[in-house]
Amino acid sequence: MRFLGISVLGFLLLALASFAQAGPGDFRPEGFRLTSPDFALGGAIPSQFTCDGRNISPTLEIAGVPAGARSLVLIVDDPDAPSGTFTHWLVWNIPPETKKLPAGAVPGNALQGANDFGDVRYSGPCPPSGTHRYFFKLFALNSTVTLPPGASRKDLDQAIQGRVLAKTAYMGRYAKGGSR
């Protein structure tokens, strides 16, 4: 059966894939969103934001932060890495009134954790082969996070458990040597 060019099975698979990205208890209120003027949703991430370029974070724009949010957390990861999900950037205690993270910048008072390269900073896409997906995940929390700079992804995941008011994500793709 086809509906507007999409089979029912195709629609169900698409719906399941989107739910697979959500964790238990995720709440995605209408209007809470993360976008970037530097690349389209699902599009190619320009090389300047990768290990092939300047290796700086792209500009990120935030809208619709839910009432009651006390801080924001940003996690950038690659679920297509050969060894499993690879973390590229951890940032927490971003003020909830933040509307824009300029390219290469971290908001004042926000803290950064250790990524899977072992660095306490943004380390851009750098897949060993093929095209990988990079998810920029933004969480609105009902509190701040009490972790020291350089904390691990595991520590951050534990610290935000039960504190997430809302979650949104933005995804881009990259292949080493240039976007494809």
C-alpha atoms as a PDB file:
ATOM      1  CA  MET A   1       0.000   0.000   0.000  1.00  0.00           C
ATOM      2  CA  ARG A   2       1.363   3.429  -0.920  1.00  0.00           C
ATOM      3  CA  PHE A   3       0.548   6.759   0.625  1.00  0.00           C
ATOM      4  CA  LEU A   4       2.044   9.864  -1.005  1.00  0.00           C
ATOM      5  CA  GLY A   5       4.880   7.813  -2.456  1.00  0.00           C
ATOM      6  CA  ILE A   6       5.849   6.147   0.815  1.00  0.00           C
ATOM      7  CA  SER A   7       4.877   2.569   1.488  1.00  0.00           C
ATOM      8  CA  VAL A   8       3.293   1.795   4.837  1.00  0.00           C
ATOM      9  CA  LEU A   9       6.281  -0.417   5.652  1.00  0.00           C
ATOM     10  CA  GLY A  10       8.659   2.405   4.717  1.00  0.00           C
ATOM     11  CA  PHE A  11       6.742   4.820   6.933  1.00  0.00           C
ATOM     12  CA  LEU A  12       6.876   2.389   9.869  1.00  0.00           C
ATOM     13  CA  LEU A  13      10.612   1.851   9.405  1.00  0.00           C
ATOM     14  CA  LEU A  14      11.155   5.613   9.296  1.00  0.00           C
ATOM     15  CA  ALA A  15       9.124   6.071  12.494  1.00  0.00           C
ATOM     16  CA  LEU A  16      11.023   3.278  14.259  1.00  0.00           C
ATOM     17  CA  ALA A  17      14.357   4.765  13.230  1.00  0.00           C
ATOM     18  CA  SER A  18      13.422   8.120  14.742  1.00  0.00           C
ATOM     19  CA  PHE A  19      12.275   6.497  17.980  1.00  0.00           C
ATOM     20  CA  ALA A  20      15.531   4.497  18.113  1.00  0.00           C
ATOM     21  CA  GLN A  21      17.398   7.786  18.636  1.00  0.00           C
ATOM     22  CA  ALA A  22      15.224   8.648  21.657  1.00  0.00           C
ATOM     23  CA  GLY A  23      15.902   7.235  25.067  1.00  0.00           C
ATOM     24  CA  PRO A  24      13.361   6.258  27.693  1.00  0.00           C
ATOM     25  CA  GLY A  25      11.538   9.254  29.088  1.00  0.00           C
ATOM     26  CA  ASP A  26      12.674  11.623  26.311  1.00  0.00           C
ATOM     27  CA  PHE A  27      10.310  14.549  25.923  1.00  0.00           C
ATOM     28  CA  ARG A  28      10.460  16.640  22.788  1.00  0.00           C
ATOM     29  CA  PRO A  29       8.154  19.627  23.171  1.00  0.00           C
ATOM     30  CA  GLU A  30       6.996  21.438  20.078  1.00  0.00           C
ATOM     31  CA  GLY A  31       9.371  24.280  19.281  1.00  0.00           C
ATOM     32  CA  PHE A  32      12.454  23.071  21.196  1.00  0.00           C
ATOM     33  CA  ARG A  33      15.025  22.810  18.460  1.00  0.00           C
ATOM     34  CA  LEU A  34      18.660  22.964  17.543  1.00  0.00           C
ATOM     35  CA  THR A  35      19.706  24.093  14.069  1.00  0.00           C
ATOM     36  CA  SER A  36      22.825  25.259  12.255  1.00  0.00           C
ATOM     37  CA  PRO A  37      23.193  27.836   9.495  1.00  0.00           C
ATOM     38  CA  ASP A  38      26.431  26.054   8.519  1.00  0.00           C
ATOM     39  CA  PHE A  39      24.833  22.852   7.134  1.00  0.00           C
ATOM     40  CA  ALA A  40      21.366  21.495   6.398  1.00  0.00           C
ATOM     41  CA  LEU A  41      19.696  18.899   8.593  1.00  0.00           C
ATOM     42  CA  GLY A  42      21.025  15.553   7.348  1.00  0.00           C
ATOM     43  CA  GLY A  43      23.372  17.358   4.978  1.00  0.00           C
ATOM     44  CA  ALA A  44      27.122  17.454   4.542  1.00  0.00           C
ATOM     45  CA  ILE A  45      29.135  19.077   7.322  1.00  0.00           C
ATOM     46  CA  PRO A  46      31.633  21.503   5.740  1.00  0.00           C
ATOM     47  CA  SER A  47      35.255  20.414   6.154  1.00  0.00           C
ATOM     48  CA  GLN A  48      36.204  23.505   8.202  1.00  0.00           C
ATOM     49  CA  PHE A  49      34.312  21.897  11.116  1.00  0.00           C
ATOM     50  CA  THR A  50      36.243  18.617  10.822  1.00  0.00           C
ATOM     51  CA  CYS A  51      39.742  17.184  11.254  1.00  0.00           C
ATOM     52  CA  ASP A  52      40.288  17.932   7.545  1.00  0.00           C
ATOM     53  CA  GLY A  53      39.803  21.665   8.170  1.00  0.00           C
ATOM     54  CA  ARG A  54      40.004  24.104  11.076  1.00  0.00           C
ATOM     55  CA  ASN A  55      38.402  21.568  13.448  1.00  0.00           C
ATOM     56  CA  ILE A  56      36.141  24.174  15.063  1.00  0.00           C
ATOM     57  CA  SER A  57      32.564  23.638  16.166  1.00  0.00           C
ATOM     58  CA  PRO A  58      29.847  24.831  13.775  1.00  0.00           C
ATOM     59  CA  THR A  59      27.446  27.626  14.656  1.00  0.00           C
ATOM     60  CA  LEU A  60      24.459  26.211  16.535  1.00  0.00           C
ATOM     61  CA  GLU A  61      21.158  28.012  17.072  1.00  0.00           C
ATOM     62  CA  ILE A  62      18.790  27.151  19.936  1.00  0.00           C
ATOM     63  CA  ALA A  63      15.065  27.920  20.108  1.00  0.00           C
ATOM     64  CA  GLY A  64      12.093  27.014  22.246  1.00  0.00           C
ATOM     65  CA  VAL A  65      13.893  26.111  25.478  1.00  0.00           C
ATOM     66  CA  PRO A  66      11.133  24.887  27.797  1.00  0.00           C
ATOM     67  CA  ALA A  67      10.081  26.923  30.832  1.00  0.00           C
ATOM     68  CA  GLY A  68      11.751  25.665  33.965  1.00  0.00           C
ATOM     69  CA  ALA A  69      15.030  24.785  32.260  1.00  0.00           C
ATOM     70  CA  ARG A  70      18.006  25.656  34.472  1.00  0.00           C
ATOM     71  CA  SER A  71      20.759  24.589  32.072  1.00  0.00           C
ATOM     72  CA  LEU A  72      21.456  22.984  28.705  1.00  0.00           C
ATOM     73  CA  VAL A  73      23.760  20.094  27.816  1.00  0.00           C
ATOM     74  CA  LEU A  74      25.217  19.481  24.355  1.00  0.00           C
ATOM     75  CA  ILE A  75      26.599  16.101  23.300  1.00  0.00           C
ATOM     76  CA  VAL A  76      28.035  15.524  19.822  1.00  0.00           C
ATOM     77  CA  ASP A  77      28.590  11.920  18.810  1.00  0.00           C
ATOM     78  CA  ASP A  78      29.044   9.530  15.901  1.00  0.00           C
ATOM     79  CA  PRO A  79      26.989   6.316  16.166  1.00  0.00           C
ATOM     80  CA  ASP A  80      28.656   4.922  13.012  1.00  0.00           C
ATOM     81  CA  ALA A  81      32.169   4.600  14.474  1.00  0.00           C
ATOM     82  CA  PRO A  82      33.657   1.101  14.087  1.00  0.00           C
ATOM     83  CA  SER A  83      34.008   0.614  17.867  1.00  0.00           C
ATOM     84  CA  GLY A  84      30.523   1.962  18.691  1.00  0.00           C
ATOM     85  CA  THR A  85      29.256   5.449  19.444  1.00  0.00           C
ATOM     86  CA  PHE A  86      32.185   7.888  19.524  1.00  0.00           C
ATOM     87  CA  THR A  87      31.852  11.155  21.473  1.00  0.00           C
ATOM     88  CA  HIS A  88      33.231  14.326  19.846  1.00  0.00           C
ATOM     89  CA  TRP A  89      32.106  17.035  22.286  1.00  0.00           C
ATOM     90  CA  LEU A  90      30.561  17.380  25.732  1.00  0.00           C
ATOM     91  CA  VAL A  91      29.362  20.747  27.027  1.00  0.00           C
ATOM     92  CA  TRP A  92      27.200  21.341  30.093  1.00  0.00           C
ATOM     93  CA  ASN A  93      25.798  24.204  32.157  1.00  0.00           C
ATOM     94  CA  ILE A  94      25.029  26.196  29.032  1.00  0.00           C
ATOM     95  CA  PRO A  95      22.716  29.013  30.228  1.00  0.00           C
ATOM     96  CA  PRO A  96      19.104  28.271  29.169  1.00  0.00           C
ATOM     97  CA  GLU A  97      18.712  31.756  27.680  1.00  0.00           C
ATOM     98  CA  THR A  98      21.469  30.976  25.129  1.00  0.00           C
ATOM     99  CA  LYS A  99      20.158  31.407  21.583  1.00  0.00           C
ATOM    100  CA  LYS A 100      23.377  30.868  19.624  1.00  0.00           C
ATOM    101  CA  LEU A 101      26.704  29.099  20.006  1.00  0.00           C
ATOM    102  CA  PRO A 102      28.984  30.863  17.505  1.00  0.00           C
ATOM    103  CA  ALA A 103      31.402  28.742  15.473  1.00  0.00           C
ATOM    104  CA  GLY A 104      34.409  27.731  17.552  1.00  0.00           C
ATOM    105  CA  ALA A 105      32.953  29.080  20.807  1.00  0.00           C
ATOM    106  CA  VAL A 106      31.713  27.815  24.152  1.00  0.00           C
ATOM    107  CA  PRO A 107      29.389  30.037  26.207  1.00  0.00           C
ATOM    108  CA  GLY A 108      30.865  31.613  29.331  1.00  0.00           C
ATOM    109  CA  ASN A 109      30.454  29.506  32.486  1.00  0.00           C
ATOM    110  CA  ALA A 110      29.754  26.346  30.457  1.00  0.00           C
ATOM    111  CA  LEU A 111      32.067  23.412  31.120  1.00  0.00           C
ATOM    112  CA  GLN A 112      33.490  20.848  28.697  1.00  0.00           C
ATOM    113  CA  GLY A 113      34.147  17.160  29.207  1.00  0.00           C
ATOM    114  CA  ALA A 114      36.666  14.754  27.728  1.00  0.00           C
ATOM    115  CA  ASN A 115      35.758  13.478  24.285  1.00  0.00           C
ATOM    116  CA  ASP A 116      36.797  10.066  22.970  1.00  0.00           C
ATOM    117  CA  PHE A 117      39.969  11.556  21.469  1.00  0.00           C
ATOM    118  CA  GLY A 118      40.973  12.351  25.068  1.00  0.00           C
ATOM    119  CA  ASP A 119      40.634  16.112  24.550  1.00  0.00           C
ATOM    120  CA  VAL A 120      38.588  18.555  26.616  1.00  0.00           C
ATOM    121  CA  ARG A 121      37.249  20.495  23.620  1.00  0.00           C
ATOM    122  CA  TYR A 122      35.378  20.027  20.371  1.00  0.00           C
ATOM    123  CA  SER A 123      37.057  17.541  18.038  1.00  0.00           C
ATOM    124  CA  GLY A 124      35.228  17.447  14.742  1.00  0.00           C
ATOM    125  CA  PRO A 125      34.206  14.621  12.460  1.00  0.00           C
ATOM    126  CA  CYS A 126      37.119  12.427  11.394  1.00  0.00           C
ATOM    127  CA  PRO A 127      35.763   9.057  10.242  1.00  0.00           C
ATOM    128  CA  PRO A 128      38.336   6.394   9.319  1.00  0.00           C
ATOM    129  CA  SER A 129      36.328   5.461   6.211  1.00  0.00           C
ATOM    130  CA  GLY A 130      32.932   5.937   4.631  1.00  0.00           C
ATOM    131  CA  THR A 131      30.292   8.509   5.458  1.00  0.00           C
ATOM    132  CA  HIS A 132      29.306   8.845   9.110  1.00  0.00           C
ATOM    133  CA  ARG A 133      26.397  10.598  10.818  1.00  0.00           C
ATOM    134  CA  TYR A 134      27.103  13.165  13.535  1.00  0.00           C
ATOM    135  CA  PHE A 135      24.370  13.945  16.047  1.00  0.00           C
ATOM    136  CA  PHE A 136      24.339  17.258  17.915  1.00  0.00           C
ATOM    137  CA  LYS A 137      22.064  16.430  20.868  1.00  0.00           C
ATOM    138  CA  LEU A 138      20.729  19.183  23.092  1.00  0.00           C
ATOM    139  CA  PHE A 139      19.149  18.496  26.474  1.00  0.00           C
ATOM    140  CA  ALA A 140      17.218  20.979  28.632  1.00  0.00           C
ATOM    141  CA  LEU A 141      17.682  20.153  32.324  1.00  0.00           C
ATOM    142  CA  ASN A 142      15.766  21.116  35.451  1.00  0.00           C
ATOM    143  CA  SER A 143      19.094  21.776  37.230  1.00  0.00           C
ATOM    144  CA  THR A 144      22.748  22.468  36.598  1.00  0.00           C
ATOM    145  CA  VAL A 145      25.350  19.697  36.398  1.00  0.00           C
ATOM    146  CA  THR A 146      27.890  19.395  39.200  1.00  0.00           C
ATOM    147  CA  LEU A 147      30.779  17.761  37.372  1.00  0.00           C
ATOM    148  CA  PRO A 148      34.328  19.075  37.068  1.00  0.00           C
ATOM    149  CA  PRO A 149      35.765  20.068  33.673  1.00  0.00           C
ATOM    150  CA  GLY A 150      37.112  17.038  31.829  1.00  0.00           C
ATOM    151  CA  ALA A 151      34.461  14.631  33.135  1.00  0.00           C
ATOM    152  CA  SER A 152      33.655  11.608  30.966  1.00  0.00           C
ATOM    153  CA  ARG A 153      30.613  10.888  28.813  1.00  0.00           C
ATOM    154  CA  LYS A 154      29.622   8.140  31.256  1.00  0.00           C
ATOM    155  CA  ASP A 155      29.739  10.606  34.156  1.00  0.00           C
ATOM    156  CA  LEU A 156      27.705  13.174  32.203  1.00  0.00           C
ATOM    157  CA  ASP A 157      25.095  10.597  31.160  1.00  0.00           C
ATOM    158  CA  GLN A 158      24.696   9.611  34.822  1.00  0.00           C
ATOM    159  CA  ALA A 159      24.570  13.239  36.010  1.00  0.00           C
ATOM    160  CA  ILE A 160      21.677  14.155  33.694  1.00  0.00           C
ATOM    161  CA  GLN A 161      19.608  11.042  34.379  1.00  0.00           C
ATOM    162  CA  GLY A 162      16.192  12.026  35.706  1.00  0.00           C
ATOM    163  CA  ARG A 163      16.850  15.737  35.071  1.00  0.00           C
ATOM    164  CA  VAL A 164      15.968  16.004  31.368  1.00  0.00           C
ATOM    165  CA  LEU A 165      12.977  18.219  30.648  1.00  0.00           C
ATOM    166  CA  ALA A 166      13.374  18.015  26.877  1.00  0.00           C
ATOM    167  CA  LYS A 167      15.701  16.766  24.163  1.00  0.00           C
ATOM    168  CA  THR A 168      16.267  17.713  20.542  1.00  0.00           C
ATOM    169  CA  ALA A 169      18.912  16.830  17.971  1.00  0.00           C
ATOM    170  CA  TYR A 170      20.414  17.966  14.675  1.00  0.00           C
ATOM    171  CA  MET A 171      22.349  15.625  12.388  1.00  0.00           C
ATOM    172  CA  GLY A 172      24.938  16.120   9.686  1.00  0.00           C
ATOM    173  CA  ARG A 173      27.106  13.734   7.638  1.00  0.00           C
ATOM    174  CA  TYR A 174      30.790  13.631   6.800  1.00  0.00           C
ATOM    175  CA  ALA A 175      33.292  11.434   4.936  1.00  0.00           C
ATOM    176  CA  LYS A 176      37.019  11.883   5.609  1.00  0.00           C
ATOM    177  CA  GLY A 177      38.682  13.893   2.907  1.00  0.00           C
ATOM    178  CA  GLY A 178      35.551  15.963   2.303  1.00  0.00           C
ATOM    179  CA  SER A 179      31.794  15.851   2.560  1.00  0.00           C
ATOM    180  CA  ARG A 180      30.027  13.384   0.328  1.00  0.00           C
END
